[in-house]
Amino acid sequence: MKYAVEARIFNNGKIVTKVREAEDGETSGCKETRTCDIWIDVFETEGEAIRFANEYKRA
């Protein structure tokens, strides 16, 4: 099972992250919307994903 970090970076600078199970075939990437950029990073273990998500808190 793989895990994904989903980070929403809003135009006003606010960052919201969550760690979730990756969907089948999901890959890392970015999607832009009117209000935010959505970054997806996929990891092999939950521990790796949590450590990566915690780095957003330091931004």
Protein backbone atom coordinates (compact mmCIF):
# COMPACT_ATOMS: atom_id res chain seq x y z
CA MET A 1 0.00 0.00 0.00
CA LYS A 2 1.25 3.46 -0.88
CA TYR A 3 0.47 6.76 0.80
CA ALA A 4 -0.08 10.21 -0.64
CA VAL A 5 0.51 13.65 0.82
CA GLU A 6 -2.05 16.08 -0.56
CA ALA A 7 -1.06 19.72 -0.05
CA ARG A 8 -3.35 22.57 -0.99
CA ILE A 9 -1.47 25.85 -1.25
CA PHE A 10 -3.96 28.70 -1.40
CA ASN A 11 -3.44 32.02 -3.13
CA ASN A 12 -3.41 33.81 0.25
CA GLY A 13 -0.47 31.68 1.45
CA LYS A 14 -2.42 29.22 3.61
CA ILE A 15 -1.29 25.59 3.34
CA VAL A 16 -3.51 22.61 4.21
CA THR A 17 -2.02 19.10 4.09
CA LYS A 18 -3.30 15.60 4.68
CA VAL A 19 -1.83 12.11 4.48
CA ARG A 20 -4.07 9.50 2.89
CA GLU A 21 -3.90 6.15 1.14
CA ALA A 22 -2.86 6.62 -2.49
CA GLU A 23 -5.36 5.64 -5.14
CA ASP A 24 -4.45 2.80 -7.50
CA GLY A 25 -2.02 4.09 -10.11
CA GLU A 26 -1.80 7.55 -8.55
CA THR A 27 1.42 9.44 -9.25
CA SER A 28 3.05 12.58 -7.91
CA GLY A 29 2.08 15.82 -9.59
CA CYS A 30 0.41 19.22 -9.38
CA LYS A 31 -2.95 20.62 -10.42
CA GLU A 32 -3.86 24.31 -10.46
CA THR A 33 -7.31 25.61 -9.54
CA ARG A 34 -8.67 29.14 -9.25
CA THR A 35 -8.05 29.29 -5.50
CA CYS A 36 -5.10 26.97 -4.89
CA ASP A 37 -2.44 24.62 -6.24
CA ILE A 38 -2.89 20.97 -5.26
CA TRP A 39 0.35 19.03 -4.92
CA ILE A 40 0.28 15.24 -4.63
CA ASP A 41 3.39 13.34 -3.52
CA VAL A 42 3.25 9.53 -3.34
CA PHE A 43 5.38 7.49 -0.90
CA GLU A 44 6.00 3.80 -0.25
CA THR A 45 5.42 4.02 3.52
CA GLU A 46 3.14 5.98 5.83
CA GLY A 47 6.15 7.12 7.88
CA GLU A 48 7.79 8.72 4.84
CA ALA A 49 4.54 10.48 3.97
CA ILE A 50 4.07 11.84 7.50
CA ARG A 51 7.64 13.14 7.65
CA PHE A 52 7.19 14.87 4.29
CA ALA A 53 3.84 16.40 5.34
CA ASN A 54 5.44 17.76 8.51
CA GLU A 55 7.91 19.73 6.35
CA TYR A 56 5.01 21.84 5.08
CA LYS A 57 4.44 23.04 8.65
CA ARG A 58 7.91 24.57 8.61
CA ALA A 59 7.20 26.56 5.44
